[in-house]
Amino acid sequence: MPSSSEINEIKASDILASAQKLAEQLDLTAIERDQAGGHAAAERQMIRESGLLDLIIPEAFGGRGVSWNLLYAVIRILAEVDSALAHVFAFHHLQIATILLYGNTEQQHRLLTQTVKHQWFWGNSLNPSDRRTEVARLSKEEGAVIHGVKSYSSGSVGSDWLTFSAWDQNHQALLYGVTSSHRDEIHIQPDWDSFGQKQTDSGNVLFNHVPIPSENILIWPGTALSPRQTLRTQLAQLVLVNLYVGISQGAFKKGTAYTREFSRPYLFSNLEKAVDDPFILNRYGQLLAQVRAAEVMAIEAVKKVDLALTQESPVTPDERGEVAIAVSQAKVIAHQAAIAVTNQLFELTGAGSTRTQLGLDRFWRNARVHTLHDPIDYKLRDLGRFALLGVYPSPNSYS
């Protein structure tokens, strides 16, 4: 009889194999779809059929109940070939985490068992920086009515359910809740128009006086979050970290493959092969170190989150702070690696690598767009403050 650790290893191996198979399918059309943009309906269906939508849902609710470490490994595999759909996949799981951290026992059971049963794809309309979606009416008995527009609603097009936030003027605080995407009062706009991450479906959602019953409100305005609940921010930041790592790994693999097969030596290098050029070797060596460092720091940060979320005792503010520092460090390194690798690969591959049909520019465009999510300088400020003063970042939507 296999031990529990052996069973977990088998499960992890099967999940990673499924992720690799899905990545290979997405890779077949990644360049073409990146150039076209729009909604990747067929590929979203591939993700549904992969059996990977329930990874982070606890076994008690019918899901796989895997660790965050394993989930982020899957995200990196997908991001190597298609960081836009890796983003959609990751944000689906982030909304699952929102229910697990913000929802009560009844909400978790109802929403997550139904997610598994119906293979729901969750979208996000939670952007806390956009307060244009407001609470129009609110009562404990009847729930809320929300109205307005929410930007950067990743994964909203083609979703079954949404998480959302709405600003309550009376409490000067956000309400967090869930709703079906398929309602007459909700208008999901396919208007995402960026030069990178083109198929994340991150456009606007219009809420036209949408009634939200009490049972679908996760956090009422003015409710103080526990240190454990604020770990949602760290899970969100780690989505970005692992997307950046995956982009770096994908760009590095494509760049080295092109250099080996097609790059020609510089005319005055007196070399027969580009792979023998000491300057090219040096630069690839530096990039390899950056990519590997980003991956290692991402994994270490995820382990800290996993430990905090699974410990029996309540998470303390200091424990939460330690997680935030680890995630911020990983975020800085992954950000820098993604920009460096996706930019420098062209200097190492040569002019021929800029041909549109190769699609190598998509790695830089995706990294450049995504790393603008929240300023790296504020992460560095937080880390500097911790280094000099021993002060942890204050819990907020980004740290």
Protein backbone atom coordinates (compact mmCIF):
# COMPACT_ATOMS: atom_id res chain seq x y z
CA MET A 1 0.00 0.00 0.00
CA PRO A 2 1.58 3.33 -1.03
CA SER A 3 2.17 5.92 1.69
CA SER A 4 0.41 9.28 1.70
CA SER A 5 3.63 10.97 0.52
CA GLU A 6 3.91 8.51 -2.37
CA ILE A 7 0.28 9.12 -3.30
CA ASN A 8 0.91 12.88 -3.26
CA GLU A 9 3.96 12.44 -5.50
CA ILE A 10 1.92 10.42 -7.99
CA LYS A 11 -0.84 13.04 -7.93
CA ALA A 12 1.67 15.86 -8.45
CA SER A 13 3.33 13.98 -11.32
CA ASP A 14 -0.03 13.45 -13.03
CA ILE A 15 -1.00 17.10 -12.61
CA LEU A 16 2.30 18.37 -14.00
CA ALA A 17 1.96 15.98 -16.94
CA SER A 18 -1.53 17.33 -17.64
CA ALA A 19 -0.19 20.87 -17.43
CA GLN A 20 2.60 20.07 -19.87
CA LYS A 21 0.12 18.51 -22.30
CA LEU A 22 -2.10 21.59 -22.08
CA ALA A 23 0.91 23.86 -22.61
CA GLU A 24 1.85 21.94 -25.75
CA GLN A 25 -1.69 22.40 -27.09
CA LEU A 26 -1.66 26.13 -26.36
CA ASP A 27 1.79 26.52 -27.90
CA LEU A 28 0.51 25.36 -31.30
CA THR A 29 -1.50 28.56 -31.78
CA ALA A 30 0.18 30.94 -29.30
CA ILE A 31 1.86 33.19 -31.87
CA GLU A 32 -1.19 33.43 -34.11
CA ARG A 33 -3.53 34.15 -31.19
CA ASP A 34 -1.19 36.73 -29.72
CA GLN A 35 -1.20 38.62 -33.00
CA ALA A 36 -4.99 38.40 -33.31
CA GLY A 37 -5.89 39.21 -29.69
CA GLY A 38 -9.50 38.89 -28.58
CA HIS A 39 -11.18 36.13 -26.61
CA ALA A 40 -9.66 32.64 -26.80
CA ALA A 41 -12.90 30.68 -26.45
CA ALA A 42 -11.60 27.39 -27.87
CA GLU A 43 -8.48 27.48 -25.70
CA ARG A 44 -10.51 28.36 -22.61
CA GLN A 45 -12.50 25.20 -23.32
CA MET A 46 -9.22 23.25 -23.52
CA ILE A 47 -8.41 24.49 -20.03
CA ARG A 48 -11.82 23.33 -18.78
CA GLU A 49 -11.31 19.91 -20.33
CA SER A 50 -7.80 19.59 -18.88
CA GLY A 51 -9.24 18.88 -15.44
CA LEU A 52 -7.05 21.56 -13.88
CA LEU A 53 -9.73 24.05 -12.81
CA ASP A 54 -10.28 22.41 -9.42
CA LEU A 55 -6.67 22.13 -8.29
CA ILE A 56 -6.83 24.43 -5.28
CA ILE A 57 -10.39 23.48 -4.25
CA PRO A 58 -10.23 21.32 -1.08
CA GLU A 59 -11.01 17.62 -1.41
CA ALA A 60 -13.93 18.13 1.01
CA PHE A 61 -15.65 20.14 -1.73
CA GLY A 62 -14.75 17.71 -4.53
CA GLY A 63 -11.52 19.34 -5.69
CA ARG A 64 -7.91 18.14 -5.83
CA GLY A 65 -6.78 20.05 -2.76
CA VAL A 66 -3.20 20.53 -3.97
CA SER A 67 -0.63 22.85 -2.45
CA TRP A 68 -0.10 26.36 -3.71
CA ASN A 69 3.44 25.30 -4.56
CA LEU A 70 2.10 22.79 -7.07
CA LEU A 71 -0.46 25.22 -8.49
CA TYR A 72 2.18 27.88 -9.13
CA ALA A 73 4.37 25.26 -10.82
CA VAL A 74 1.47 24.64 -13.24
CA ILE A 75 1.15 28.39 -13.81
CA ARG A 76 4.84 28.64 -14.71
CA ILE A 77 4.53 25.77 -17.20
CA LEU A 78 1.61 27.47 -18.97
CA ALA A 79 3.22 30.92 -18.84
CA GLU A 80 6.28 29.65 -20.72
CA VAL A 81 4.18 29.33 -23.87
CA ASP A 82 1.13 31.54 -23.27
CA SER A 83 1.26 33.98 -20.37
CA ALA A 84 -2.12 35.48 -21.25
CA LEU A 85 -4.05 32.24 -20.77
CA ALA A 86 -1.79 31.32 -17.85
CA HIS A 87 -2.99 34.61 -16.34
CA VAL A 88 -6.66 33.68 -16.90
CA PHE A 89 -6.05 30.22 -15.40
CA ALA A 90 -4.21 31.69 -12.41
CA PHE A 91 -6.86 34.32 -11.77
CA HIS A 92 -9.56 31.64 -11.77
CA HIS A 93 -7.72 30.02 -8.87
CA LEU A 94 -7.19 33.38 -7.19
CA GLN A 95 -10.96 33.82 -7.06
CA ILE A 96 -11.25 30.35 -5.52
CA ALA A 97 -8.76 31.55 -2.89
CA THR A 98 -10.91 34.64 -2.34
CA ILE A 99 -13.84 32.40 -1.42
CA LEU A 100 -11.65 30.22 0.81
CA LEU A 101 -10.22 33.23 2.67
CA TYR A 102 -13.19 35.60 2.72
CA GLY A 103 -16.18 33.27 2.62
CA ASN A 104 -17.89 31.56 5.53
CA THR A 105 -18.34 27.78 5.76
CA GLU A 106 -21.69 27.79 3.95
CA GLN A 107 -20.42 30.00 1.13
CA GLN A 108 -17.32 27.88 0.64
CA HIS A 109 -19.32 24.65 0.48
CA ARG A 110 -22.05 25.99 -1.80
CA LEU A 111 -19.87 27.89 -4.25
CA LEU A 112 -16.97 25.45 -4.49
CA THR A 113 -18.99 22.23 -4.77
CA GLN A 114 -20.96 23.90 -7.56
CA THR A 115 -17.72 25.04 -9.21
CA VAL A 116 -16.50 21.45 -9.33
CA LYS A 117 -19.87 20.04 -10.41
CA HIS A 118 -20.41 22.52 -13.26
CA GLN A 119 -16.73 23.23 -14.11
CA TRP A 120 -17.30 26.92 -13.54
CA PHE A 121 -14.65 29.31 -14.81
CA TRP A 122 -14.27 32.22 -12.39
CA GLY A 123 -13.52 35.75 -13.54
CA ASN A 124 -12.34 38.75 -11.59
CA SER A 125 -13.99 42.15 -11.21
CA LEU A 126 -12.35 42.97 -7.91
CA ASN A 127 -9.91 45.77 -8.79
CA PRO A 128 -9.78 47.69 -5.47
CA SER A 129 -8.15 50.72 -7.07
CA ASP A 130 -11.22 51.35 -9.23
CA ARG A 131 -13.99 52.65 -6.98
CA ARG A 132 -16.43 53.49 -9.75
CA THR A 133 -18.53 50.45 -8.82
CA GLU A 134 -20.45 51.59 -5.75
CA VAL A 135 -22.88 50.17 -3.22
CA ALA A 136 -26.23 51.81 -4.02
CA ARG A 137 -28.19 50.09 -1.23
CA LEU A 138 -27.14 47.89 1.68
CA SER A 139 -28.87 45.95 4.42
CA LYS A 140 -28.06 42.78 6.33
CA GLU A 141 -31.48 41.35 5.51
CA GLU A 142 -31.73 42.15 1.80
CA GLY A 143 -28.08 42.35 0.83
CA ALA A 144 -26.80 45.02 -1.53
CA VAL A 145 -27.36 46.68 -4.86
CA ILE A 146 -24.20 47.62 -6.77
CA HIS A 147 -23.85 49.98 -9.69
CA GLY A 148 -21.00 51.26 -11.83
CA VAL A 149 -18.04 50.12 -13.90
CA LYS A 150 -15.02 48.04 -12.95
CA SER A 151 -11.83 48.00 -15.01
CA TYR A 152 -9.09 45.37 -15.35
CA SER A 153 -11.59 42.56 -14.91
CA SER A 154 -9.30 39.69 -15.90
CA GLY A 155 -11.01 36.55 -17.14
CA SER A 156 -14.44 38.19 -17.12
CA VAL A 157 -15.30 37.40 -20.76
CA GLY A 158 -16.40 33.79 -20.95
CA SER A 159 -16.62 33.41 -17.18
CA ASP A 160 -19.46 31.71 -15.31
CA TRP A 161 -19.12 33.58 -12.02
CA LEU A 162 -17.33 36.74 -10.88
CA THR A 163 -15.85 38.02 -7.68
CA PHE A 164 -16.29 41.77 -7.36
CA SER A 165 -15.68 44.70 -5.06
CA ALA A 166 -17.87 47.78 -4.65
CA TRP A 167 -17.13 50.98 -2.75
CA ASP A 168 -19.48 51.89 0.08
CA GLN A 169 -19.51 55.63 0.73
CA ASN A 170 -21.11 55.32 4.17
CA HIS A 171 -18.40 53.05 5.55
CA GLN A 172 -15.62 54.39 3.31
CA ALA A 173 -14.71 50.77 2.66
CA LEU A 174 -15.11 48.02 0.08
CA LEU A 175 -17.73 45.31 -0.08
CA TYR A 176 -16.57 42.00 -1.56
CA GLY A 177 -18.96 39.51 -3.09
CA VAL A 178 -19.72 37.03 -5.85
CA THR A 179 -22.28 36.90 -8.61
CA SER A 180 -23.16 34.90 -11.68
CA SER A 181 -21.74 36.44 -14.84
CA HIS A 182 -24.95 35.60 -16.72
CA ARG A 183 -27.31 38.31 -15.50
CA ASP A 184 -29.21 40.92 -17.46
CA GLU A 185 -27.88 43.68 -15.20
CA ILE A 186 -24.24 42.75 -15.86
CA HIS A 187 -22.56 43.74 -19.12
CA ILE A 188 -19.10 42.26 -19.64
CA GLN A 189 -17.19 44.24 -22.24
CA PRO A 190 -14.69 42.55 -24.61
CA ASP A 191 -12.75 45.81 -24.76
CA TRP A 192 -9.31 44.86 -23.48
CA ASP A 193 -6.85 46.54 -25.86
CA SER A 194 -3.22 46.32 -24.80
CA PHE A 195 -0.07 45.54 -26.77
CA GLY A 196 0.65 42.62 -24.42
CA GLN A 197 -1.27 39.97 -22.49
CA LYS A 198 -3.80 40.33 -25.27
CA GLN A 199 -6.06 37.40 -24.38
CA THR A 200 -6.52 37.95 -20.65
CA ASP A 201 -10.03 39.37 -21.18
CA SER A 202 -9.15 42.17 -18.75
CA GLY A 203 -11.65 44.78 -19.93
CA ASN A 204 -14.51 46.57 -18.21
CA VAL A 205 -17.57 45.15 -16.51
CA LEU A 206 -20.67 47.32 -16.21
CA PHE A 207 -22.95 46.71 -13.22
CA ASN A 208 -26.42 48.20 -13.74
CA HIS A 209 -28.05 48.23 -10.29
CA VAL A 210 -27.28 44.57 -9.65
CA PRO A 211 -28.99 43.05 -6.59
CA ILE A 212 -26.63 40.93 -4.48
CA PRO A 213 -28.29 38.70 -1.85
CA SER A 214 -26.71 38.58 1.61
CA GLU A 215 -25.56 35.01 1.11
CA ASN A 216 -23.31 36.15 -1.76
CA ILE A 217 -21.57 38.91 0.17
CA LEU A 218 -18.19 37.66 1.36
CA ILE A 219 -16.93 40.74 3.23
CA TRP A 220 -19.27 43.47 4.46
CA PRO A 221 -17.98 47.07 4.32
CA GLY A 222 -16.03 48.03 7.41
CA THR A 223 -15.13 44.46 8.38
CA ALA A 224 -11.56 44.17 9.63
CA LEU A 225 -9.63 41.40 7.89
CA SER A 226 -7.53 38.97 9.91
CA PRO A 227 -3.81 38.57 9.11
CA ARG A 228 -4.67 35.23 7.49
CA GLN A 229 -7.33 36.79 5.26
CA THR A 230 -4.89 39.47 4.10
CA LEU A 231 -2.71 36.70 2.66
CA ARG A 232 -4.95 36.91 -0.38
CA THR A 233 -2.80 39.85 -1.46
CA GLN A 234 0.29 37.67 -1.27
CA LEU A 235 -1.38 34.95 -3.33
CA ALA A 236 -2.26 37.59 -5.94
CA GLN A 237 1.28 38.95 -5.98
CA LEU A 238 2.63 35.43 -6.35
CA VAL A 239 0.44 34.95 -9.41
CA LEU A 240 2.37 37.82 -10.97
CA VAL A 241 5.71 36.51 -9.73
CA ASN A 242 5.19 33.10 -11.27
CA LEU A 243 3.85 34.53 -14.52
CA TYR A 244 7.04 36.61 -14.78
CA VAL A 245 9.17 33.56 -14.04
CA GLY A 246 7.32 31.54 -16.68
CA ILE A 247 7.72 34.30 -19.26
CA SER A 248 11.45 34.48 -18.47
CA GLN A 249 11.85 30.72 -18.82
CA GLY A 250 9.92 30.64 -22.08
CA ALA A 251 11.88 33.54 -23.58
CA PHE A 252 15.19 32.05 -22.46
CA LYS A 253 14.39 28.69 -24.06
CA LYS A 254 13.32 30.28 -27.33
CA GLY A 255 16.34 32.58 -27.36
CA THR A 256 18.93 29.88 -26.72
CA ALA A 257 17.30 27.58 -29.28
CA TYR A 258 17.42 30.33 -31.92
CA THR A 259 21.05 31.16 -31.13
CA ARG A 260 22.07 27.51 -31.44
CA GLU A 261 20.24 26.94 -34.71
CA PHE A 262 20.19 30.22 -36.62
CA SER A 263 22.39 32.97 -35.18
CA ARG A 264 25.47 33.84 -37.20
CA PRO A 265 28.74 35.02 -35.66
CA TYR A 266 29.59 38.69 -35.79
CA LEU A 267 31.62 39.51 -38.90
CA PHE A 268 34.71 40.63 -36.95
CA SER A 269 34.58 37.99 -34.21
CA ASN A 270 36.78 35.59 -36.21
CA LEU A 271 34.52 32.76 -35.07
CA GLU A 272 32.66 30.13 -37.06
CA LYS A 273 29.70 29.81 -34.71
CA ALA A 274 27.72 32.32 -32.65
CA VAL A 275 27.62 29.87 -29.74
CA ASP A 276 31.40 30.26 -29.39
CA ASP A 277 31.28 34.03 -29.00
CA PRO A 278 32.49 34.88 -25.46
CA PHE A 279 30.24 37.92 -25.25
CA ILE A 280 27.16 35.88 -26.11
CA LEU A 281 28.20 33.19 -23.65
CA ASN A 282 28.68 35.78 -20.94
CA ARG A 283 25.29 37.37 -21.48
CA TYR A 284 23.44 34.07 -21.58
CA GLY A 285 25.25 33.07 -18.41
CA GLN A 286 24.02 36.20 -16.67
CA LEU A 287 20.46 35.67 -17.88
CA LEU A 288 20.49 32.01 -16.82
CA ALA A 289 21.50 33.06 -13.32
CA GLN A 290 18.72 35.65 -13.20
CA VAL A 291 16.05 33.23 -14.40
CA ARG A 292 17.13 30.54 -11.97
CA ALA A 293 17.29 33.01 -9.07
CA ALA A 294 13.78 34.22 -9.87
CA GLU A 295 12.44 30.66 -9.91
CA VAL A 296 14.11 29.73 -6.61
CA MET A 297 12.88 32.85 -4.84
CA ALA A 298 9.37 32.32 -6.18
CA ILE A 299 9.30 28.77 -4.84
CA GLU A 300 10.65 29.84 -1.45
CA ALA A 301 8.01 32.58 -1.15
CA VAL A 302 5.24 30.14 -2.08
CA LYS A 303 6.43 27.72 0.59
CA LYS A 304 6.06 30.45 3.20
CA VAL A 305 2.50 31.15 2.05
CA ASP A 306 1.67 27.44 2.09
CA LEU A 307 2.96 27.11 5.66
CA ALA A 308 1.04 30.16 6.83
CA LEU A 309 -2.23 29.00 5.27
CA THR A 310 -1.98 25.45 6.62
CA GLN A 311 -0.74 26.13 10.16
CA GLU A 312 -3.19 25.26 12.96
CA SER A 313 -2.62 28.42 15.00
CA PRO A 314 -3.90 31.82 13.81
CA VAL A 315 -1.51 33.73 11.57
CA THR A 316 0.13 36.54 13.54
CA PRO A 317 0.88 40.00 12.10
CA ASP A 318 4.62 39.21 12.22
CA GLU A 319 4.13 35.89 10.40
CA ARG A 320 2.10 37.71 7.80
CA GLY A 321 4.89 40.29 7.55
CA GLU A 322 7.53 37.62 6.95
CA VAL A 323 5.45 36.26 4.07
CA ALA A 324 5.06 39.75 2.61
CA ILE A 325 8.83 40.33 2.67
CA ALA A 326 9.54 37.00 0.96
CA VAL A 327 6.94 37.72 -1.72
CA SER A 328 8.24 41.26 -2.29
CA GLN A 329 11.78 39.98 -2.71
CA ALA A 330 10.61 37.38 -5.22
CA LYS A 331 8.53 39.99 -7.04
CA VAL A 332 11.48 42.33 -7.53
CA ILE A 333 13.79 39.61 -8.82
CA ALA A 334 11.14 38.06 -11.11
CA HIS A 335 10.21 41.50 -12.50
CA GLN A 336 13.84 42.31 -13.28
CA ALA A 337 14.50 38.89 -14.80
CA ALA A 338 11.46 39.08 -17.08
CA ILE A 339 12.37 42.50 -18.43
CA ALA A 340 16.05 41.61 -18.83
CA VAL A 341 15.57 38.28 -20.60
CA THR A 342 12.77 39.32 -22.94
CA ASN A 343 14.65 42.46 -23.98
CA GLN A 344 18.19 41.10 -24.26
CA LEU A 345 17.27 37.96 -26.18
CA PHE A 346 17.15 40.10 -29.36
CA GLU A 347 20.66 41.39 -28.79
CA LEU A 348 21.82 37.77 -28.47
CA THR A 349 19.89 36.29 -31.40
CA GLY A 350 20.34 38.99 -34.05
CA ALA A 351 18.16 40.89 -36.48
CA GLY A 352 16.66 37.74 -38.00
CA SER A 353 14.89 36.94 -34.75
CA THR A 354 12.68 40.01 -35.09
CA ARG A 355 10.62 38.47 -37.88
CA THR A 356 6.92 38.66 -37.05
CA GLN A 357 6.31 34.97 -37.81
CA LEU A 358 8.64 33.96 -34.95
CA GLY A 359 6.61 35.88 -32.38
CA LEU A 360 9.56 36.38 -30.03
CA ASP A 361 8.43 39.93 -29.33
CA ARG A 362 5.39 38.61 -27.48
CA PHE A 363 7.53 37.69 -24.49
CA TRP A 364 8.74 41.28 -24.08
CA ARG A 365 5.31 42.80 -24.72
CA ASN A 366 3.68 40.46 -22.20
CA ALA A 367 6.36 41.09 -19.59
CA ARG A 368 6.32 44.85 -20.14
CA VAL A 369 2.54 45.11 -19.79
CA HIS A 370 2.24 42.80 -16.81
CA THR A 371 5.11 44.26 -14.79
CA LEU A 372 3.24 47.60 -14.79
CA HIS A 373 0.63 46.07 -12.46
CA ASP A 374 2.09 47.82 -9.41
CA PRO A 375 5.31 49.87 -9.23
CA ILE A 376 8.49 47.96 -8.42
CA ASP A 377 9.84 51.07 -6.69
CA TYR A 378 7.28 50.69 -3.91
CA LYS A 379 8.31 47.07 -3.43
CA LEU A 380 11.91 48.24 -3.13
CA ARG A 381 10.84 50.94 -0.67
CA ASP A 382 9.10 48.32 1.48
CA LEU A 383 12.18 46.10 1.40
CA GLY A 384 14.49 49.01 2.24
CA ARG A 385 12.26 50.02 5.14
CA PHE A 386 12.38 46.46 6.44
CA ALA A 387 16.16 46.25 6.03
CA LEU A 388 16.85 49.53 7.85
CA LEU A 389 13.98 49.78 10.33
CA GLY A 390 12.66 46.23 10.69
CA VAL A 391 9.18 47.39 9.63
CA TYR A 392 6.93 45.00 7.73
CA PRO A 393 4.77 46.25 4.84
CA SER A 394 1.31 47.37 5.92
CA PRO A 395 -1.38 44.99 4.65
CA ASN A 396 -3.13 46.47 1.63
CA SER A 397 -4.25 45.47 -1.84
CA TYR A 398 -0.68 45.28 -3.17
CA SER A 399 1.57 44.36 -0.24
